[in-house]
C-alpha atoms as a PDB file:
ATOM      1  CA  MET A   1       8.118  -6.060 -21.643  1.00  0.00           C
ATOM      2  CA  VAL A   2       5.847  -2.841 -22.465  1.00  0.00           C
ATOM      3  CA  LEU A   3       3.797  -1.738 -19.132  1.00  0.00           C
ATOM      4  CA  ARG A   4       1.935   1.161 -20.491  1.00  0.00           C
ATOM      5  CA  LYS A   5       0.522   0.176 -23.765  1.00  0.00           C
ATOM      6  CA  ASP A   6      -2.267   2.370 -24.934  1.00  0.00           C
ATOM      7  CA  LEU A   7      -3.581   3.575 -21.584  1.00  0.00           C
ATOM      8  CA  HIS A   8      -6.658   5.834 -21.535  1.00  0.00           C
ATOM      9  CA  LEU A   9      -6.377   7.794 -18.393  1.00  0.00           C
ATOM     10  CA  GLU A  10     -10.117   8.330 -18.291  1.00  0.00           C
ATOM     11  CA  GLN A  11     -10.850   4.744 -18.136  1.00  0.00           C
ATOM     12  CA  SER A  12     -10.905   2.218 -15.324  1.00  0.00           C
ATOM     13  CA  HIS A  13      -7.910   0.070 -14.652  1.00  0.00           C
ATOM     14  CA  ALA A  14      -6.480  -2.487 -12.390  1.00  0.00           C
ATOM     15  CA  VAL A  15      -2.835  -1.573 -11.293  1.00  0.00           C
ATOM     16  CA  PHE A  16      -0.465  -3.327  -9.111  1.00  0.00           C
ATOM     17  CA  ILE A  17       1.192  -0.924  -6.661  1.00  0.00           C
ATOM     18  CA  THR A  18       4.206  -1.018  -4.209  1.00  0.00           C
ATOM     19  CA  THR A  19       5.060   1.563  -1.999  1.00  0.00           C
ATOM     20  CA  THR A  20       7.863   1.608   0.645  1.00  0.00           C
ATOM     21  CA  ILE A  21       8.782   3.124   4.315  1.00  0.00           C
ATOM     22  CA  LEU A  22      11.747   5.335   4.296  1.00  0.00           C
ATOM     23  CA  ARG A  23      14.853   3.188   4.579  1.00  0.00           C
ATOM     24  CA  HIS A  24      12.913   0.094   4.368  1.00  0.00           C
ATOM     25  CA  PHE A  25      12.282   0.592   8.284  1.00  0.00           C
ATOM     26  CA  PRO A  26       9.873  -1.946   9.611  1.00  0.00           C
ATOM     27  CA  ILE A  27       7.477   0.436  11.195  1.00  0.00           C
ATOM     28  CA  PHE A  28       4.382  -1.611  10.489  1.00  0.00           C
ATOM     29  CA  ASN A  29       5.680  -4.519  12.956  1.00  0.00           C
ATOM     30  CA  HIS A  30       3.871  -2.230  15.408  1.00  0.00           C
ATOM     31  CA  LYS A  31       0.547  -3.337  15.775  1.00  0.00           C
ATOM     32  CA  ASN A  32      -0.896  -0.064  16.512  1.00  0.00           C
ATOM     33  CA  ILE A  33       0.796   1.697  13.426  1.00  0.00           C
ATOM     34  CA  ALA A  34      -0.397  -1.151  11.166  1.00  0.00           C
ATOM     35  CA  GLU A  35      -3.908  -0.737  12.065  1.00  0.00           C
ATOM     36  CA  ALA A  36      -3.626   3.184  11.879  1.00  0.00           C
ATOM     37  CA  PHE A  37      -2.288   2.786   8.420  1.00  0.00           C
ATOM     38  CA  LEU A  38      -4.962   0.159   7.353  1.00  0.00           C
ATOM     39  CA  TYR A  39      -7.562   2.404   8.715  1.00  0.00           C
ATOM     40  CA  GLN A  40      -6.317   5.308   6.540  1.00  0.00           C
ATOM     41  CA  PHE A  41      -6.042   2.849   3.505  1.00  0.00           C
ATOM     42  CA  ARG A  42      -9.583   1.923   3.870  1.00  0.00           C
ATOM     43  CA  GLU A  43     -10.683   5.423   4.031  1.00  0.00           C
ATOM     44  CA  THR A  44      -8.770   6.768   1.277  1.00  0.00           C
ATOM     45  CA  LEU A  45     -10.063   3.762  -1.029  1.00  0.00           C
ATOM     46  CA  GLN A  46     -13.623   4.925  -0.045  1.00  0.00           C
ATOM     47  CA  PHE A  47     -12.946   8.562  -0.679  1.00  0.00           C
ATOM     48  CA  PHE A  48     -11.751   7.709  -4.205  1.00  0.00           C
ATOM     49  CA  ASN A  49     -14.226   5.222  -4.851  1.00  0.00           C
ATOM     50  CA  VAL A  50     -11.220   2.605  -5.572  1.00  0.00           C
ATOM     51  CA  GLU A  51     -11.575  -1.048  -5.020  1.00  0.00           C
ATOM     52  CA  ALA A  52      -8.666  -3.033  -3.563  1.00  0.00           C
ATOM     53  CA  ILE A  53      -8.459  -6.336  -4.960  1.00  0.00           C
ATOM     54  CA  GLY A  54      -5.815  -7.678  -2.879  1.00  0.00           C
ATOM     55  CA  TYR A  55      -3.094  -6.441  -0.857  1.00  0.00           C
ATOM     56  CA  VAL A  56      -0.598  -7.391   1.639  1.00  0.00           C
ATOM     57  CA  LEU A  57       0.930  -5.127   4.267  1.00  0.00           C
ATOM     58  CA  MET A  58       4.366  -6.122   4.922  1.00  0.00           C
ATOM     59  CA  PRO A  59       6.748  -4.846   7.693  1.00  0.00           C
ATOM     60  CA  SER A  60       8.243  -2.226   5.432  1.00  0.00           C
ATOM     61  CA  HIS A  61       5.919  -1.823   2.463  1.00  0.00           C
ATOM     62  CA  LEU A  62       2.530  -2.219   0.882  1.00  0.00           C
ATOM     63  CA  HIS A  63       1.758  -4.062  -2.165  1.00  0.00           C
ATOM     64  CA  ALA A  64      -1.703  -3.952  -3.743  1.00  0.00           C
ATOM     65  CA  ILE A  65      -3.748  -4.586  -6.845  1.00  0.00           C
ATOM     66  CA  LEU A  66      -6.053  -1.581  -6.896  1.00  0.00           C
ATOM     67  CA  HIS A  67      -8.836  -0.950  -9.302  1.00  0.00           C
ATOM     68  CA  PHE A  68      -9.543   2.619 -10.294  1.00  0.00           C
ATOM     69  CA  PRO A  69     -12.677   3.984 -12.091  1.00  0.00           C
ATOM     70  CA  LYS A  70     -10.449   6.432 -13.790  1.00  0.00           C
ATOM     71  CA  VAL A  71      -6.699   5.630 -13.787  1.00  0.00           C
ATOM     72  CA  ILE A  72      -5.903   9.145 -13.881  1.00  0.00           C
ATOM     73  CA  GLN A  73      -6.901   9.305 -10.090  1.00  0.00           C
ATOM     74  CA  MET A  74      -3.772   7.055  -9.044  1.00  0.00           C
ATOM     75  CA  PRO A  75      -1.033   9.692  -8.295  1.00  0.00           C
ATOM     76  CA  LYS A  76      -3.611  11.851  -6.233  1.00  0.00           C
ATOM     77  CA  PHE A  77      -4.783   8.608  -4.296  1.00  0.00           C
ATOM     78  CA  MET A  78      -1.160   7.769  -3.657  1.00  0.00           C
ATOM     79  CA  GLN A  79      -0.408  11.126  -2.598  1.00  0.00           C
ATOM     80  CA  SER A  80      -3.341  11.355  -0.276  1.00  0.00           C
ATOM     81  CA  LEU A  81      -2.579   8.048   1.181  1.00  0.00           C
ATOM     82  CA  LYS A  82       1.024   8.657   1.988  1.00  0.00           C
ATOM     83  CA  SER A  83       0.358  12.097   3.146  1.00  0.00           C
ATOM     84  CA  LEU A  84      -2.662  11.315   5.591  1.00  0.00           C
ATOM     85  CA  SER A  85      -1.132   8.270   6.868  1.00  0.00           C
ATOM     86  CA  SER A  86       2.064  10.002   7.584  1.00  0.00           C
ATOM     87  CA  ARG A  87       0.402  12.649   9.543  1.00  0.00           C
ATOM     88  CA  LYS A  88      -1.625   9.934  11.376  1.00  0.00           C
ATOM     89  CA  ILE A  89       1.561   7.876  12.155  1.00  0.00           C
ATOM     90  CA  TYR A  90       3.422  10.926  13.103  1.00  0.00           C
ATOM     91  CA  ARG A  91       1.213  11.584  15.961  1.00  0.00           C
ATOM     92  CA  MET A  92       1.820   8.067  17.335  1.00  0.00           C
ATOM     93  CA  LEU A  93       5.667   8.237  17.312  1.00  0.00           C
ATOM     94  CA  ASN A  94       7.900   9.191  20.123  1.00  0.00           C
ATOM     95  CA  ARG A  95      10.971  11.731  19.570  1.00  0.00           C
ATOM     96  CA  GLU A  96      13.504   8.756  18.941  1.00  0.00           C
ATOM     97  CA  MET A  97      11.240   7.049  16.120  1.00  0.00           C
ATOM     98  CA  ILE A  98      10.437  10.801  14.569  1.00  0.00           C
ATOM     99  CA  GLU A  99      14.183  11.106  14.503  1.00  0.00           C
ATOM    100  CA  LYS A 100      14.587   7.869  12.520  1.00  0.00           C
ATOM    101  CA  PHE A 101      12.332   9.565   9.837  1.00  0.00           C
ATOM    102  CA  THR A 102      13.519  13.063   9.653  1.00  0.00           C
ATOM    103  CA  VAL A 103      15.535  13.969   6.425  1.00  0.00           C
ATOM    104  CA  ASN A 104      16.753  17.770   6.113  1.00  0.00           C
ATOM    105  CA  GLY A 105      14.866  18.684   9.306  1.00  0.00           C
ATOM    106  CA  ARG A 106      11.400  17.368   8.045  1.00  0.00           C
ATOM    107  CA  PHE A 107       9.510  14.259   8.756  1.00  0.00           C
ATOM    108  CA  ARG A 108       9.240  11.730   5.898  1.00  0.00           C
ATOM    109  CA  LEU A 109       7.741   8.463   6.665  1.00  0.00           C
ATOM    110  CA  TRP A 110       7.363   7.230   3.082  1.00  0.00           C
ATOM    111  CA  ASN A 111       9.954   7.027   0.077  1.00  0.00           C
ATOM    112  CA  PRO A 112       8.999   9.648  -2.398  1.00  0.00           C
ATOM    113  CA  ARG A 113       8.113   7.267  -4.927  1.00  0.00           C
ATOM    114  CA  TYR A 114       6.029   4.339  -5.751  1.00  0.00           C
ATOM    115  CA  ASP A 115       5.771   1.552  -8.287  1.00  0.00           C
ATOM    116  CA  ASP A 116       3.025   0.977 -10.444  1.00  0.00           C
ATOM    117  CA  VAL A 117       2.309  -2.019 -13.072  1.00  0.00           C
ATOM    118  CA  TYR A 118      -0.767  -1.895 -15.153  1.00  0.00           C
ATOM    119  CA  ILE A 119      -2.471  -5.185 -15.409  1.00  0.00           C
ATOM    120  CA  TYR A 120      -3.295  -6.145 -18.986  1.00  0.00           C
ATOM    121  CA  SER A 121      -3.959  -9.803 -19.062  1.00  0.00           C
ATOM    122  CA  THR A 122      -5.497 -12.485 -16.798  1.00  0.00           C
ATOM    123  CA  LEU A 123      -1.908 -14.140 -16.543  1.00  0.00           C
ATOM    124  CA  GLN A 124      -0.312 -10.880 -15.255  1.00  0.00           C
ATOM    125  CA  PHE A 125      -3.268 -10.529 -12.742  1.00  0.00           C
ATOM    126  CA  ARG A 126      -2.504 -13.978 -11.531  1.00  0.00           C
ATOM    127  CA  ILE A 127       1.145 -13.689 -11.209  1.00  0.00           C
ATOM    128  CA  LYS A 128       0.761 -10.438  -9.069  1.00  0.00           C
ATOM    129  CA  LEU A 129      -1.943 -11.808  -7.018  1.00  0.00           C
ATOM    130  CA  GLU A 130       0.101 -14.877  -6.196  1.00  0.00           C
ATOM    131  CA  TYR A 131       2.785 -12.422  -5.568  1.00  0.00           C
ATOM    132  CA  ILE A 132       0.813 -10.702  -2.762  1.00  0.00           C
ATOM    133  CA  HIS A 133      -0.079 -14.290  -1.582  1.00  0.00           C
ATOM    134  CA  ASN A 134       3.500 -15.670  -1.474  1.00  0.00           C
ATOM    135  CA  ASN A 135       5.374 -12.574  -0.394  1.00  0.00           C
ATOM    136  CA  PRO A 136       5.066 -13.175   3.440  1.00  0.00           C
ATOM    137  CA  VAL A 137       6.138 -16.840   2.757  1.00  0.00           C
ATOM    138  CA  LYS A 138       9.093 -15.830   0.797  1.00  0.00           C
ATOM    139  CA  LYS A 139      10.288 -13.573   3.180  1.00  0.00           C
ATOM    140  CA  ASP A 140       9.474 -16.293   6.223  1.00  0.00           C
ATOM    141  CA  TRP A 141       6.709 -14.251   7.788  1.00  0.00           C
ATOM    142  CA  SER A 142       4.353 -16.996   7.101  1.00  0.00           C
ATOM    143  CA  HIS A 143       4.415 -17.820  10.950  1.00  0.00           C
ATOM    144  CA  LEU A 144       2.573 -14.458  11.726  1.00  0.00           C
ATOM    145  CA  PRO A 145      -1.201 -14.501  11.676  1.00  0.00           C
ATOM    146  CA  VAL A 146      -3.100 -13.206   8.940  1.00  0.00           C
ATOM    147  CA  SER A 147      -6.324 -11.501   7.744  1.00  0.00           C
ATOM    148  CA  GLY A 148      -7.716 -10.305  11.305  1.00  0.00           C
ATOM    149  CA  PRO A 149      -8.530  -6.665  11.762  1.00  0.00           C
ATOM    150  CA  THR A 150      -5.717  -6.435  14.403  1.00  0.00           C
ATOM    151  CA  GLN A 151      -2.972  -8.440  12.907  1.00  0.00           C
ATOM    152  CA  VAL A 152       0.365  -6.963  12.084  1.00  0.00           C
ATOM    153  CA  LEU A 153       0.786  -8.511   8.774  1.00  0.00           C
ATOM    154  CA  GLN A 154      -2.429  -8.044   7.010  1.00  0.00           C
ATOM    155  CA  ILE A 155      -3.834  -9.765   3.685  1.00  0.00           C
ATOM    156  CA  GLY A 156      -6.855  -8.516   2.209  1.00  0.00           C
ATOM    157  CA  PHE A 157      -9.087  -8.988  -0.616  1.00  0.00           C
ATOM    158  CA  LEU A 158     -12.114  -7.529  -2.489  1.00  0.00           C
ATOM    159  CA  VAL A 159     -12.183  -4.301  -0.154  1.00  0.00           C
ATOM    160  CA  LYS A 160     -14.971  -2.272  -1.883  1.00  0.00           C
ATOM    161  CA  GLY A 161     -14.217   1.416  -1.770  1.00  0.00           C
ATOM    162  CA  GLY A 162     -17.404   3.126  -2.300  1.00  0.00           C
END
């Protein structure tokens, strides 16, 4: 399957993104850390004028369908989100937790990369949105409360960035 067809970087586009915490550590099981990340997520969306069409924050990763006014913004958006959220979360951790995320003497919260799939069809959009809906169920986390501003597991839709 071709994922990057004729992509024009200066045009708007929807992208399905997954980014994961180092070693898949379930740090977002901590309610205050999940809330801090989501606050930073919303601020980064607003700063870049990016729209979150749908997202789910799982214990160790984020899945999101984001609409970028210019898809060329995506790497800078992801760099900013991961960097700013890392700094914010670092200040919330105790020494023992910081040691779990120390690599070669440096704090690293996120895996260095992220996965992206450009959305080219209504069918592909539906598949990815259903994945966001069903991921907590598949992992048997469906018993966790969702959608409230203070819940550990977060599912959100239509969050306008700007």
